[in-house]
Protein backbone atom coordinates (compact mmCIF):
# COMPACT_ATOMS: atom_id res chain seq x y z
CA UNK A 1 3.37 -17.06 48.27
CA UNK A 2 1.68 -13.76 48.73
CA UNK A 3 -2.09 -13.20 48.35
CA UNK A 4 -1.90 -12.08 44.76
CA UNK A 5 0.01 -15.05 43.63
CA UNK A 6 -2.18 -17.46 45.53
CA UNK A 7 -5.18 -16.00 43.58
CA UNK A 8 -3.38 -16.17 40.31
CA UNK A 9 -2.52 -19.75 40.91
CA UNK A 10 -6.13 -20.53 41.62
CA UNK A 11 -7.20 -18.78 38.38
CA UNK A 12 -4.70 -20.88 36.47
CA UNK A 13 -6.02 -24.06 38.06
CA UNK A 14 -9.60 -23.07 37.06
CA UNK A 15 -8.43 -22.43 33.44
CA UNK A 16 -6.90 -25.91 33.37
CA UNK A 17 -10.05 -27.42 34.75
CA UNK A 18 -12.07 -25.61 32.07
CA UNK A 19 -9.94 -27.26 29.35
CA UNK A 20 -10.30 -30.71 30.96
CA UNK A 21 -13.97 -30.44 31.80
CA UNK A 22 -15.59 -29.27 28.51
CA UNK A 23 -19.12 -29.94 29.77
CA UNK A 24 -18.51 -27.28 32.58
CA UNK A 25 -16.10 -25.06 30.64
CA UNK A 26 -18.08 -21.84 31.08
CA UNK A 27 -18.41 -22.32 34.79
CA UNK A 28 -14.64 -22.83 35.23
CA UNK A 29 -13.76 -19.79 33.06
CA UNK A 30 -16.14 -17.75 35.18
CA UNK A 31 -14.30 -18.93 38.25
CA UNK A 32 -10.96 -18.16 36.79
CA UNK A 33 -12.13 -14.62 35.98
CA UNK A 34 -13.45 -14.26 39.54
CA UNK A 35 -10.05 -15.26 40.91
CA UNK A 36 -8.29 -12.75 38.57
CA UNK A 37 -10.56 -10.08 39.84
CA UNK A 38 -9.74 -11.00 43.44
CA UNK A 39 -6.08 -10.96 42.65
CA UNK A 40 -6.40 -7.34 41.40
CA UNK A 41 -8.43 -6.15 44.36
CA UNK A 42 -8.20 -6.07 48.14
CA UNK A 43 -11.38 -8.02 49.08
CA UNK A 44 -10.01 -9.57 52.35
CA UNK A 45 -8.87 -13.08 53.17
CA UNK A 46 -8.76 -15.71 50.53
CA UNK A 47 -9.07 -19.48 51.02
CA UNK A 48 -7.75 -21.88 48.41
CA UNK A 49 -8.16 -25.67 48.55
CA UNK A 50 -6.04 -28.03 46.44
CA UNK A 51 -5.59 -31.79 46.15
CA UNK A 52 -2.31 -33.60 46.37
CA UNK A 53 -2.63 -37.32 46.08
CA UNK A 54 -5.41 -38.53 48.45
CA UNK A 55 -5.17 -35.38 50.72
CA UNK A 56 -6.99 -32.18 50.30
CA UNK A 57 -5.21 -29.04 51.64
CA UNK A 58 -6.40 -25.60 52.52
CA UNK A 59 -4.44 -22.33 52.34
CA UNK A 60 -5.88 -19.12 53.72
CA UNK A 61 -4.16 -15.91 52.76
CA UNK A 62 -5.07 -13.12 55.14
CA UNK A 63 -5.19 -9.49 53.91
CA UNK A 64 -2.05 -8.87 56.08
CA UNK A 65 -0.16 -11.40 53.97
CA UNK A 66 -0.12 -14.05 56.75
CA UNK A 67 -0.56 -17.57 55.27
CA UNK A 68 -2.26 -20.33 57.20
CA UNK A 69 -2.17 -23.92 56.04
CA UNK A 70 -4.13 -27.10 57.07
CA UNK A 71 -5.84 -30.15 55.75
CA UNK A 72 -9.54 -30.59 54.99
CA UNK A 73 -11.13 -33.74 56.24
CA UNK A 74 -12.94 -35.83 53.48
């Protein structure tokens, strides 16, 4: 996954969260817009966290396209 697609995936996740969390809909839509802006620009490294089951993971996309992966302690 390249940097642009990582940002687009994060924007999609924020839009889904906006639909599910109506109380904070505006916040999540602003986050989605921010990730879309990042996907279109070249603002440097991007860190994306996501949850799978009971583990939270972290992806860091460097500007060079290098992808680092790890887990985030809870």
